């Protein structure tokens, strides 16, 4: 399997794309990306409950 980096270095981007399409890998999945983004931006309740703001002072 050719990596994207190697395909770019060799000037064979079309071949790389053809390989990925033959493997059945979609260029992207918007639902999966949205789910991942949502999970990464949520703060767990346990973190909210135990986190305290830092004290400002000397």
N, C-alpha and C. Protein backbone atom coordinates (compact mmCIF):
# COMPACT_ATOMS: atom_id res chain seq x y z
N UNK A 1 0.84 -1.18 0.00
CA UNK A 1 0.00 0.00 0.00
C UNK A 1 0.89 1.24 0.00
N UNK A 2 0.57 2.14 -0.85
CA UNK A 2 1.31 3.39 -0.97
C UNK A 2 0.75 4.40 0.03
N UNK A 3 1.64 5.12 0.68
CA UNK A 3 1.20 6.17 1.60
C UNK A 3 0.99 7.46 0.81
N UNK A 4 0.24 8.36 1.38
CA UNK A 4 0.00 9.65 0.73
C UNK A 4 1.31 10.40 0.55
N UNK A 5 2.17 10.37 1.55
CA UNK A 5 3.45 11.06 1.46
C UNK A 5 4.28 10.54 0.29
N UNK A 6 4.34 9.20 0.15
CA UNK A 6 5.11 8.59 -0.94
C UNK A 6 4.49 8.92 -2.29
N UNK A 7 3.17 8.87 -2.37
CA UNK A 7 2.48 9.19 -3.62
C UNK A 7 2.75 10.63 -4.04
N UNK A 8 2.75 11.55 -3.08
CA UNK A 8 3.04 12.95 -3.40
C UNK A 8 4.49 13.12 -3.85
N UNK A 9 5.41 12.43 -3.16
CA UNK A 9 6.83 12.53 -3.52
C UNK A 9 7.09 11.96 -4.91
N UNK A 10 6.37 10.89 -5.26
CA UNK A 10 6.55 10.24 -6.57
C UNK A 10 5.73 10.92 -7.66
N UNK A 11 4.85 11.84 -7.29
CA UNK A 11 3.99 12.50 -8.27
C UNK A 11 2.90 11.57 -8.78
N UNK A 12 2.46 10.63 -7.94
CA UNK A 12 1.48 9.64 -8.35
C UNK A 12 0.22 9.74 -7.50
N UNK A 13 -0.32 10.92 -7.38
CA UNK A 13 -1.51 11.12 -6.55
C UNK A 13 -2.73 10.40 -7.14
N UNK A 14 -2.85 10.38 -8.45
CA UNK A 14 -3.98 9.70 -9.08
C UNK A 14 -3.97 8.21 -8.76
N UNK A 15 -2.78 7.61 -8.77
CA UNK A 15 -2.66 6.19 -8.43
C UNK A 15 -3.04 5.93 -6.98
N UNK A 16 -2.64 6.82 -6.11
CA UNK A 16 -2.97 6.71 -4.69
C UNK A 16 -4.48 6.76 -4.50
N UNK A 17 -5.13 7.71 -5.17
CA UNK A 17 -6.59 7.84 -5.06
C UNK A 17 -7.27 6.59 -5.61
N UNK A 18 -6.78 6.07 -6.71
CA UNK A 18 -7.36 4.86 -7.29
C UNK A 18 -7.23 3.68 -6.33
N UNK A 19 -6.09 3.56 -5.65
CA UNK A 19 -5.90 2.48 -4.66
C UNK A 19 -6.91 2.61 -3.53
N UNK A 20 -7.09 3.82 -3.01
CA UNK A 20 -8.04 4.01 -1.90
C UNK A 20 -9.46 3.70 -2.34
N UNK A 21 -9.82 4.12 -3.55
CA UNK A 21 -11.17 3.83 -4.04
C UNK A 21 -11.37 2.34 -4.23
N UNK A 22 -10.34 1.64 -4.68
CA UNK A 22 -10.43 0.19 -4.87
C UNK A 22 -10.59 -0.53 -3.53
N UNK A 23 -10.03 0.04 -2.46
CA UNK A 23 -10.15 -0.54 -1.14
C UNK A 23 -11.53 -0.26 -0.53
N UNK A 24 -12.27 0.63 -1.15
CA UNK A 24 -13.59 0.96 -0.65
C UNK A 24 -13.59 1.98 0.47
N UNK A 25 -12.50 2.70 0.63
CA UNK A 25 -12.45 3.73 1.66
C UNK A 25 -13.04 5.02 1.11
N UNK A 26 -14.09 5.47 1.77
CA UNK A 26 -14.72 6.72 1.35
C UNK A 26 -13.78 7.88 1.67
N UNK A 27 -13.84 8.96 0.91
CA UNK A 27 -12.97 10.10 1.18
C UNK A 27 -13.21 10.73 2.55
N UNK A 28 -14.38 10.53 3.10
CA UNK A 28 -14.67 11.09 4.41
C UNK A 28 -16.06 10.67 4.86
N UNK A 29 -16.31 10.70 6.12
CA UNK A 29 -17.61 10.37 6.65
C UNK A 29 -18.02 11.50 7.59
N UNK A 30 -18.93 12.32 7.13
CA UNK A 30 -19.32 13.52 7.88
C UNK A 30 -19.92 13.16 9.24
N UNK A 31 -20.69 12.07 9.31
CA UNK A 31 -21.30 11.69 10.57
C UNK A 31 -20.25 11.29 11.60
N UNK A 32 -19.26 10.51 11.17
CA UNK A 32 -18.20 10.09 12.08
C UNK A 32 -17.38 11.30 12.54
N UNK A 33 -17.09 12.21 11.63
CA UNK A 33 -16.31 13.40 11.98
C UNK A 33 -17.09 14.27 12.97
N UNK A 34 -18.38 14.44 12.76
CA UNK A 34 -19.19 15.25 13.65
C UNK A 34 -19.28 14.60 15.03
N UNK A 35 -19.42 13.27 15.08
CA UNK A 35 -19.49 12.56 16.35
C UNK A 35 -18.18 12.70 17.11
N UNK A 36 -17.07 12.54 16.41
CA UNK A 36 -15.76 12.66 17.05
C UNK A 36 -15.54 14.07 17.58
N UNK A 37 -15.89 15.07 16.80
CA UNK A 37 -15.74 16.46 17.23
C UNK A 37 -16.59 16.74 18.46
N UNK A 38 -17.81 16.24 18.46
CA UNK A 38 -18.70 16.46 19.60
C UNK A 38 -18.13 15.81 20.85
N UNK A 39 -17.65 14.57 20.74
CA UNK A 39 -17.10 13.88 21.90
C UNK A 39 -15.84 14.56 22.43
N UNK A 40 -15.02 15.09 21.54
CA UNK A 40 -13.78 15.74 21.97
C UNK A 40 -14.04 17.08 22.65
N UNK A 41 -15.12 17.75 22.28
CA UNK A 41 -15.39 19.07 22.85
C UNK A 41 -16.21 19.01 24.12
N UNK A 42 -16.83 17.86 24.41
CA UNK A 42 -17.60 17.74 25.63
C UNK A 42 -16.67 17.53 26.82
N UNK A 43 -17.04 18.09 27.92
CA UNK A 43 -16.27 17.91 29.16
C UNK A 43 -17.04 16.93 30.04
N UNK A 44 -16.36 15.93 30.52
CA UNK A 44 -17.02 14.94 31.37
C UNK A 44 -17.54 15.59 32.65
N UNK A 45 -18.67 15.08 33.16
CA UNK A 45 -19.26 15.65 34.38
C UNK A 45 -18.29 15.53 35.55
N UNK A 46 -17.55 14.43 35.63
CA UNK A 46 -16.62 14.26 36.75
C UNK A 46 -15.51 15.31 36.71
N UNK A 47 -15.11 15.73 35.52
CA UNK A 47 -14.08 16.76 35.42
C UNK A 47 -14.65 18.10 35.85
N UNK A 48 -15.87 18.39 35.44
CA UNK A 48 -16.50 19.65 35.85
C UNK A 48 -16.67 19.71 37.36
N UNK A 49 -17.02 18.59 37.96
CA UNK A 49 -17.30 18.55 39.39
C UNK A 49 -16.04 18.71 40.22
N UNK A 50 -14.91 18.16 39.75
CA UNK A 50 -13.69 18.18 40.56
C UNK A 50 -12.76 19.32 40.21
N UNK A 51 -12.92 19.94 39.06
CA UNK A 51 -12.02 21.02 38.66
C UNK A 51 -12.38 22.31 39.39
N UNK A 52 -11.35 22.99 39.86
CA UNK A 52 -11.55 24.27 40.54
C UNK A 52 -10.65 25.30 39.86
N UNK A 53 -11.14 26.51 39.76
CA UNK A 53 -10.28 27.54 39.14
C UNK A 53 -9.05 27.79 40.01
N UNK A 54 -7.97 28.10 39.35
CA UNK A 54 -6.73 28.39 40.07
C UNK A 54 -6.89 29.69 40.85
N UNK A 55 -6.29 29.73 42.01
CA UNK A 55 -6.35 30.94 42.83
C UNK A 55 -5.37 31.97 42.28
N UNK A 56 -5.83 33.16 42.20
CA UNK A 56 -4.92 34.23 41.79
C UNK A 56 -4.40 34.89 43.05
N UNK A 57 -3.14 34.99 43.12
CA UNK A 57 -2.55 35.59 44.28
C UNK A 57 -1.05 35.33 44.33
N UNK A 58 -0.47 35.66 45.41
CA UNK A 58 0.97 35.51 45.53
C UNK A 58 1.30 34.11 45.73
